[in-house]
Protein backbone atom coordinates (compact mmCIF):
# COMPACT_ATOMS: atom_id res chain seq x y z
CA MET A 1 133.87 232.18 96.27
CA LEU A 2 132.91 233.14 99.95
CA SER A 3 129.46 233.90 100.59
CA LYS A 4 128.65 237.28 101.82
CA PRO A 5 126.89 237.91 105.49
CA PHE A 6 123.28 238.69 103.56
CA ASP A 7 123.41 236.22 100.83
CA GLN A 8 119.99 235.14 100.15
CA GLN A 9 118.41 237.82 102.51
CA THR A 10 115.78 240.34 101.52
CA ALA A 11 115.43 243.61 103.37
CA ILE A 12 112.89 246.66 103.62
CA VAL A 13 114.74 249.91 104.41
CA THR A 14 112.33 252.81 104.56
CA GLY A 15 113.33 256.67 104.39
CA ALA A 16 116.49 255.48 102.43
CA GLY A 17 116.88 257.94 99.71
CA GLN A 18 119.82 259.51 101.13
CA GLY A 19 121.47 259.91 104.70
CA ILE A 20 121.82 257.07 106.78
CA GLY A 21 119.22 255.23 105.36
CA PHE A 22 120.81 255.04 101.92
CA GLU A 23 123.94 253.94 103.33
CA ILE A 24 122.27 251.23 105.25
CA ALA A 25 120.51 250.03 102.27
CA ARG A 26 123.41 250.38 100.22
CA GLN A 27 126.07 248.35 102.47
CA LEU A 28 123.09 245.51 102.94
CA CYS A 29 123.16 245.21 98.91
CA ALA A 30 126.95 245.08 98.66
CA ASN A 31 126.98 242.34 101.34
CA GLY A 32 124.45 239.85 99.36
CA ALA A 33 120.91 241.48 100.19
CA SER A 34 118.10 241.98 98.14
CA VAL A 35 116.56 245.42 99.44
CA VAL A 36 113.07 247.29 98.83
CA LEU A 37 114.33 250.90 99.30
CA ASN A 38 111.94 253.39 100.20
CA ASP A 39 111.57 257.28 100.51
CA ILE A 40 108.51 259.59 100.20
CA ASP A 41 110.23 261.38 97.50
CA PRO A 42 110.07 259.24 94.31
CA ALA A 43 113.13 261.41 92.85
CA TYR A 44 115.07 260.17 95.81
CA ALA A 45 114.06 256.53 96.06
CA ASN A 46 114.51 256.09 92.20
CA GLU A 47 117.93 257.91 92.34
CA ALA A 48 119.20 255.90 95.47
CA ALA A 49 118.00 252.63 93.75
CA GLY A 50 119.79 253.32 90.63
CA LYS A 51 122.93 254.32 92.55
CA ILE A 52 122.88 250.84 94.11
CA ASN A 53 122.10 248.66 90.96
CA LYS A 54 125.00 250.57 89.34
CA GLU A 55 127.25 249.21 92.27
CA LYS A 56 125.87 245.33 91.16
CA GLY A 57 123.36 245.52 94.03
CA ILE A 58 119.73 244.40 94.04
CA CYS A 59 117.68 246.85 94.59
CA VAL A 60 113.75 247.87 94.03
CA ALA A 61 112.83 251.60 94.52
CA MET A 62 109.51 251.83 96.35
CA PRO A 63 108.30 255.81 96.67
CA GLY A 64 105.53 256.37 99.11
CA ASP A 65 104.58 257.39 102.70
CA ALA A 66 106.09 254.93 105.18
CA SER A 67 103.57 256.06 107.94
CA ASP A 68 100.26 254.93 105.78
CA THR A 69 99.49 251.25 106.95
CA SER A 70 98.26 250.32 103.34
CA PHE A 71 101.41 251.49 101.98
CA ILE A 72 103.24 249.53 104.41
CA GLN A 73 101.67 246.22 103.93
CA SER A 74 102.48 247.01 99.97
CA MET A 75 106.08 247.21 100.67
CA VAL A 76 106.00 243.80 102.59
CA ASP A 77 104.04 242.39 99.72
CA THR A 78 106.11 243.82 97.12
CA ALA A 79 109.32 242.00 99.09
CA ILE A 80 107.71 238.77 98.41
CA LYS A 81 106.45 239.22 95.02
CA LYS A 82 110.07 240.22 94.01
CA PHE A 83 112.36 238.08 96.10
CA GLY A 84 110.09 235.70 97.65
CA LYS A 85 110.58 235.93 101.49
CA LEU A 86 111.13 239.02 104.00
CA ASN A 87 114.27 238.58 106.44
CA ILE A 88 115.17 242.16 107.59
CA VAL A 89 113.34 245.71 108.41
CA VAL A 90 114.82 248.74 108.89
CA ALA A 91 112.45 251.24 110.03
CA ASN A 92 114.16 254.54 109.00
CA ALA A 93 111.89 256.92 108.11
CA GLY A 94 111.26 259.82 110.21
CA ILE A 95 110.86 263.65 110.50
CA THR A 96 112.15 266.05 112.98
CA LEU A 97 110.22 269.15 113.37
CA PHE A 98 111.94 271.51 115.98
CA ALA A 99 109.99 274.32 117.96
CA ASP A 100 109.63 275.41 121.33
CA PHE A 101 107.65 273.69 123.59
CA PHE A 102 105.40 276.20 124.39
CA GLU A 103 104.64 276.91 120.34
CA TYR A 104 104.30 273.43 119.49
CA THR A 105 101.20 272.75 117.48
CA ALA A 106 99.14 269.64 117.31
CA ASP A 107 99.39 269.22 113.69
CA ALA A 108 103.20 269.26 113.88
CA PHE A 109 102.79 266.66 116.92
CA ASN A 110 100.58 264.41 115.14
CA LYS A 111 102.65 264.41 112.22
CA VAL A 112 105.76 263.26 113.90
CA MET A 113 104.08 261.00 116.16
CA GLN A 114 102.42 259.10 112.85
CA LEU A 115 105.45 258.57 110.92
CA ASN A 116 108.05 258.02 113.67
CA LEU A 117 106.05 255.84 115.93
CA GLY A 118 103.07 254.90 113.91
CA GLY A 119 105.17 253.99 110.86
CA SER A 120 107.94 252.02 112.80
CA PHE A 121 105.34 250.45 114.87
CA PHE A 122 103.01 249.31 111.88
CA LEU A 123 105.99 248.48 109.62
CA ALA A 124 106.96 245.86 112.30
CA GLN A 125 103.67 244.46 112.43
CA SER A 126 103.54 243.79 108.94
CA ALA A 127 107.08 242.19 108.60
CA ALA A 128 106.43 240.25 111.88
CA LYS A 129 103.37 238.68 110.70
CA GLN A 130 105.02 237.62 107.45
CA MET A 131 108.28 236.51 109.23
CA LYS A 132 106.20 234.62 111.33
CA ALA A 133 104.40 232.90 108.70
CA GLN A 134 107.84 231.83 106.82
CA GLN A 135 108.79 230.25 110.06
CA SER A 136 112.49 231.23 109.66
CA GLY A 137 112.73 234.35 112.01
CA GLY A 138 114.07 237.44 111.31
CA ARG A 139 115.48 240.90 112.15
CA ILE A 140 113.70 244.21 112.80
CA LEU A 141 115.37 247.33 113.67
CA PHE A 142 114.28 250.60 114.82
CA MET A 143 115.98 253.95 114.40
CA SER A 144 116.17 256.01 117.67
CA SER A 145 118.50 258.80 118.69
CA VAL A 146 120.33 260.39 121.26
CA VAL A 147 117.58 262.26 122.01
CA GLY A 148 115.72 259.71 123.38
CA HIS A 149 118.37 259.17 126.18
CA GLN A 150 119.11 262.96 126.76
CA ALA A 151 117.28 266.30 126.39
CA HIS A 152 117.58 268.76 123.78
CA LYS A 153 116.15 271.60 123.48
CA ASN A 154 113.28 272.31 120.76
CA LEU A 155 112.83 268.62 120.33
CA ALA A 156 110.44 267.43 122.93
CA ALA A 157 107.81 265.75 120.75
CA TYR A 158 110.73 263.91 118.56
CA ALA A 159 112.21 262.58 121.74
CA ILE A 160 108.86 261.02 122.88
CA THR A 161 108.95 258.91 119.47
CA LYS A 162 112.84 257.88 120.14
CA ALA A 163 112.20 256.81 123.53
CA GLY A 164 109.43 255.29 122.53
CA LEU A 165 110.79 253.08 119.95
CA GLU A 166 113.43 251.94 122.23
CA MET A 167 110.76 250.67 124.61
CA LEU A 168 108.80 249.13 121.62
CA ALA A 169 111.74 247.08 120.88
CA LYS A 170 111.99 246.27 124.60
CA ASN A 171 108.36 245.09 124.75
CA LEU A 172 108.12 243.21 121.40
CA VAL A 173 110.88 240.86 122.75
CA VAL A 174 108.07 239.17 124.70
CA GLU A 175 105.80 238.34 121.67
CA LEU A 176 108.27 238.13 118.83
CA SER A 177 111.17 235.83 120.25
CA PRO A 178 108.74 233.01 120.18
CA TYR A 179 109.56 233.39 116.58
CA ASN A 180 113.07 233.55 116.42
CA ILE A 181 112.02 237.37 115.50
CA THR A 182 114.65 239.61 117.09
CA VAL A 183 113.89 243.47 117.55
CA ASN A 184 116.45 246.15 118.69
CA ALA A 185 117.47 249.75 118.08
CA ILE A 186 120.27 252.12 117.26
CA ALA A 187 120.31 255.45 118.75
CA PRO A 188 122.72 257.89 116.20
CA GLY A 189 124.06 260.95 117.96
CA ALA A 190 125.09 264.03 115.55
CA THR A 191 125.99 262.66 111.90
CA LEU A 192 127.06 264.15 109.01
CA THR A 193 124.48 263.71 106.46
CA GLU A 194 123.10 265.85 103.26
CA ARG A 195 120.78 267.59 105.64
CA THR A 196 122.94 268.45 108.45
CA LEU A 197 125.82 269.78 106.39
CA HIS A 198 123.29 272.33 105.02
CA ASP A 199 124.41 274.03 108.38
CA ALA A 200 127.72 275.41 107.86
CA GLU A 201 128.59 274.93 111.66
CA TYR A 202 127.13 271.84 112.42
CA GLU A 203 130.47 269.83 111.74
CA LYS A 204 132.66 272.32 113.60
CA THR A 205 129.84 272.61 116.54
CA TRP A 206 129.63 268.88 117.21
CA SER A 207 133.25 268.33 116.69
CA ARG A 208 133.82 270.38 119.70
CA ILE A 209 131.24 268.86 122.15
CA THR A 210 131.93 265.43 121.18
CA PRO A 211 134.47 263.26 123.32
CA ILE A 212 135.87 261.52 120.20
CA GLY A 213 136.33 264.97 118.66
CA LYS A 214 133.97 264.64 115.27
CA PRO A 215 130.29 263.58 114.47
CA ALA A 216 129.46 260.33 113.12
CA THR A 217 129.59 259.55 109.46
CA VAL A 218 126.67 257.65 107.73
CA ASN A 219 129.20 254.63 107.43
CA ASP A 220 129.65 254.69 111.29
CA ILE A 221 125.47 254.19 111.78
CA ALA A 222 125.61 251.75 109.11
CA ASN A 223 127.94 249.61 110.40
CA ALA A 224 126.03 249.36 113.75
CA ALA A 225 122.97 248.61 111.92
CA LEU A 226 124.43 245.69 109.98
CA PHE A 227 125.74 244.17 112.84
CA MET A 228 122.14 244.44 114.55
CA VAL A 229 120.43 242.40 111.51
CA SER A 230 123.06 240.23 110.97
CA PRO A 231 123.72 236.47 111.97
CA ALA A 232 126.21 237.47 114.47
CA SER A 233 123.66 239.80 116.57
CA GLY A 234 121.26 236.61 116.82
CA HIS A 235 121.29 236.64 120.76
CA ILE A 236 120.81 240.28 120.93
CA THR A 237 117.25 241.53 121.36
CA GLY A 238 115.13 244.07 122.84
CA GLN A 239 118.26 246.27 123.29
CA SER A 240 119.42 249.94 122.13
CA LEU A 241 122.79 250.80 120.84
CA VAL A 242 124.34 254.27 121.26
CA ILE A 243 126.33 255.41 118.54
CA ASP A 244 127.54 258.94 119.43
CA GLY A 245 131.21 259.23 120.20
CA GLY A 246 130.45 259.64 124.00
CA TRP A 247 128.33 262.57 123.47
CA THR A 248 125.68 260.96 126.13
CA SER A 249 128.34 260.44 128.72
CA VAL A 250 128.67 264.23 128.81
CA SER A 251 125.97 265.88 126.96
CA PRO A 252 127.01 269.51 126.61
CA SER A 253 124.25 271.57 124.68
CA PRO A 254 125.21 272.87 121.06
CA TYR A 255 123.35 275.97 121.92
């Protein structure tokens, strides 16, 4: 029997109750990994893990706030307790709070910063400490966005976090490379998920303005994520991969 690319690997994926995070967790499990699956909503987390386990994956649900440092450490501790090691972290959890710049509140700003930047930073820190102690390397992946590359109306605060995550990936190369830990980011563009499909015009609009003629699927994004945390990407670190069907090359506004 041929081995799978993530056999004997353990991963944490945050914000994985549905959408892109779920598909990343599902594909990791399908390819041999054991996954600690996080979502802030217990119902989403448990349902997602249940679906993966029914597909013969190995997945443990861990509901909780991925911006809380004590909870972040508990995810790492759970991975070690359940599976004995931690090899991969995908910091996918994040929130998007749209608002006009002139009306943006301090509360909204702080929430976006705390989860998108703070949660990713401290998850990487906790995971890297464990990976360093294991002396066997590891993979850390941040979830950026095309709005970290191109301006998008009403997303100033969100865009700061996404550009910041790409710089964080670049900066951590200096500190993590000596321990064979790679750190990268992927930057999805328009993607069909449960959330975006609530907008009846979303697929039509983004199909019109995306050069390749359609928005991404969660499978498109997960394929890129799995490559970036796989053995095949071992010489790639500090990089950001844009998956947007060419949108950032032309950047027409959906408005």
